């Protein structure tokens, strides 16, 4: 994130002070932000910090809370496998032939953030699922 801030500051400096804007910086920051957002989403799943409607989960305890956690983690797995990994990989293969205007790199490298993040979400969801099946996950958080 600090690197992106430095790049943006350089772009503003080169445009306003030097009068010669650097065209690569805007695209570089945009692509970096895509990767940052996708990897951050995987991290949030691993930390169980994702957005959730807690109306039901706050009322459940014990086995019922664990069953709900297992269902939630299975839904995360299904989403990550079908949409992020499978769909993301299709997007990568379709866009490898497209070249970004400023950086000149294949756009597939930008879209690669989706399946990479999907694999990380699968790993985190499997860990969370195993914890829920062992009864550790939900009970300890509420205690």
Protein backbone atom coordinates (compact mmCIF):
# COMPACT_ATOMS: atom_id res chain seq x y z
CA UNK A 1 0.00 0.00 0.00
CA UNK A 2 2.86 2.38 0.81
CA UNK A 3 4.38 1.57 -2.56
CA UNK A 4 1.16 2.56 -4.30
CA UNK A 5 1.08 5.85 -2.40
CA UNK A 6 4.66 6.61 -3.45
CA UNK A 7 3.82 5.81 -7.08
CA UNK A 8 0.77 8.11 -7.01
CA UNK A 9 2.81 10.90 -5.41
CA UNK A 10 5.42 10.52 -8.14
CA UNK A 11 2.70 10.71 -10.79
CA UNK A 12 1.27 13.89 -9.28
CA UNK A 13 4.77 15.41 -8.93
CA UNK A 14 5.74 14.56 -12.51
CA UNK A 15 2.46 15.93 -13.85
CA UNK A 16 2.31 19.18 -11.88
CA UNK A 17 5.95 20.11 -11.26
CA UNK A 18 7.79 18.53 -14.17
CA UNK A 19 4.94 19.03 -16.64
CA UNK A 20 5.57 15.53 -18.01
CA UNK A 21 3.09 13.02 -16.56
CA UNK A 22 4.21 9.43 -16.26
CA UNK A 23 1.59 7.30 -18.03
CA UNK A 24 2.64 3.99 -16.50
CA UNK A 25 1.98 4.92 -12.87
CA UNK A 26 -1.81 5.14 -13.06
CA UNK A 27 -2.13 1.69 -14.60
CA UNK A 28 0.44 0.19 -12.23
CA UNK A 29 -1.45 1.47 -9.18
CA UNK A 30 -4.78 0.28 -10.58
CA UNK A 31 -3.46 -3.24 -11.16
CA UNK A 32 -1.75 -3.24 -7.76
CA UNK A 33 -5.01 -2.23 -6.12
CA UNK A 34 -6.81 -5.13 -7.80
CA UNK A 35 -4.23 -7.59 -6.45
CA UNK A 36 -4.31 -5.94 -3.01
CA UNK A 37 -8.11 -6.16 -2.81
CA UNK A 38 -8.24 -9.78 -3.91
CA UNK A 39 -5.51 -10.94 -1.54
CA UNK A 40 -7.08 -8.92 1.27
CA UNK A 41 -10.40 -10.66 0.73
CA UNK A 42 -8.69 -14.02 1.22
CA UNK A 43 -7.00 -12.75 4.38
CA UNK A 44 -10.32 -11.54 5.77
CA UNK A 45 -11.88 -14.96 5.19
CA UNK A 46 -8.98 -16.52 7.09
CA UNK A 47 -9.52 -14.12 9.99
CA UNK A 48 -13.31 -14.65 9.89
CA UNK A 49 -13.68 -10.91 9.54
CA UNK A 50 -15.90 -10.95 6.47
CA UNK A 51 -19.27 -9.25 6.35
CA UNK A 52 -21.98 -11.44 7.81
CA UNK A 53 -25.59 -11.24 8.84
CA UNK A 54 -25.32 -12.28 12.47
CA UNK A 55 -29.00 -12.31 13.39
CA UNK A 56 -29.13 -16.11 13.39
CA UNK A 57 -25.58 -16.90 14.47
CA UNK A 58 -25.82 -14.75 17.62
CA UNK A 59 -28.85 -16.71 18.81
CA UNK A 60 -27.28 -20.14 18.30
CA UNK A 61 -24.96 -21.92 20.69
CA UNK A 62 -23.20 -25.26 20.89
CA UNK A 63 -23.89 -27.81 18.18
CA UNK A 64 -26.31 -25.59 16.28
CA UNK A 65 -23.72 -22.81 16.05
CA UNK A 66 -21.13 -25.31 14.79
CA UNK A 67 -23.55 -26.66 12.18
CA UNK A 68 -24.17 -23.11 10.95
CA UNK A 69 -20.41 -22.47 10.80
CA UNK A 70 -19.93 -25.68 8.79
CA UNK A 71 -22.63 -24.61 6.33
CA UNK A 72 -21.07 -21.14 5.99
CA UNK A 73 -17.61 -22.59 5.33
CA UNK A 74 -19.05 -25.04 2.77
CA UNK A 75 -20.67 -22.09 0.98
CA UNK A 76 -17.32 -20.27 1.01
CA UNK A 77 -15.69 -23.35 -0.50
CA UNK A 78 -18.34 -23.67 -3.20
CA UNK A 79 -18.01 -19.99 -4.11
CA UNK A 80 -14.22 -20.06 -4.14
CA UNK A 81 -14.04 -23.22 -6.25
CA UNK A 82 -16.69 -22.38 -8.84
CA UNK A 83 -16.52 -18.62 -9.18
CA UNK A 84 -13.04 -17.62 -8.14
CA UNK A 85 -10.85 -20.54 -9.21
CA UNK A 86 -12.80 -21.99 -12.15
CA UNK A 87 -14.32 -18.74 -13.40
CA UNK A 88 -11.20 -16.75 -12.59
CA UNK A 89 -8.99 -19.17 -14.50
CA UNK A 90 -11.30 -18.90 -17.51
CA UNK A 91 -10.94 -15.11 -17.34
CA UNK A 92 -7.15 -15.46 -17.15
CA UNK A 93 -6.97 -17.68 -20.22
CA UNK A 94 -9.33 -15.42 -22.18
CA UNK A 95 -7.36 -12.26 -21.40
CA UNK A 96 -3.77 -13.48 -21.80
CA UNK A 97 -3.83 -12.22 -25.38
CA UNK A 98 -4.93 -8.72 -24.39
CA UNK A 99 -2.09 -6.31 -23.68
CA UNK A 100 -2.46 -3.42 -21.24
CA UNK A 101 -1.98 -0.04 -22.93
CA UNK A 102 0.67 1.52 -20.68
CA UNK A 103 2.56 -1.35 -19.06
CA UNK A 104 2.39 -3.64 -22.07
CA UNK A 105 1.74 -6.76 -19.98
CA UNK A 106 -0.91 -9.40 -20.68
CA UNK A 107 -4.14 -8.57 -18.87
CA UNK A 108 -4.30 -12.19 -17.75
CA UNK A 109 -1.72 -11.32 -15.08
CA UNK A 110 -4.17 -8.85 -13.58
CA UNK A 111 -7.02 -11.37 -13.67
CA UNK A 112 -4.73 -13.99 -12.13
CA UNK A 113 -5.44 -12.34 -8.79
CA UNK A 114 -8.91 -13.92 -8.79
CA UNK A 115 -7.93 -17.62 -8.91
CA UNK A 116 -4.91 -17.03 -6.64
CA UNK A 117 -7.18 -15.43 -4.07
CA UNK A 118 -9.68 -18.24 -4.61
CA UNK A 119 -7.06 -20.86 -3.77
CA UNK A 120 -6.16 -18.97 -0.59
CA UNK A 121 -9.85 -18.74 0.36
CA UNK A 122 -10.16 -22.50 -0.18
CA UNK A 123 -7.21 -23.12 2.15
CA UNK A 124 -8.58 -20.78 4.83
CA UNK A 125 -12.09 -22.20 4.50
CA UNK A 126 -10.80 -25.75 4.86
CA UNK A 127 -8.94 -24.75 8.03
CA UNK A 128 -12.07 -23.03 9.37
CA UNK A 129 -14.19 -26.04 8.39
CA UNK A 130 -11.89 -28.46 10.23
CA UNK A 131 -12.00 -26.23 13.31
CA UNK A 132 -15.80 -26.09 13.15
CA UNK A 133 -16.04 -29.87 12.77
CA UNK A 134 -13.83 -30.28 15.84
CA UNK A 135 -16.11 -27.92 17.74
CA UNK A 136 -13.37 -25.35 18.43
CA UNK A 137 -14.31 -22.50 16.16
CA UNK A 138 -17.63 -21.01 17.21
CA UNK A 139 -17.71 -22.08 20.85
CA UNK A 140 -14.37 -20.44 21.67
CA UNK A 141 -15.22 -17.18 19.88
CA UNK A 142 -18.46 -16.70 21.85
CA UNK A 143 -16.89 -17.64 25.20
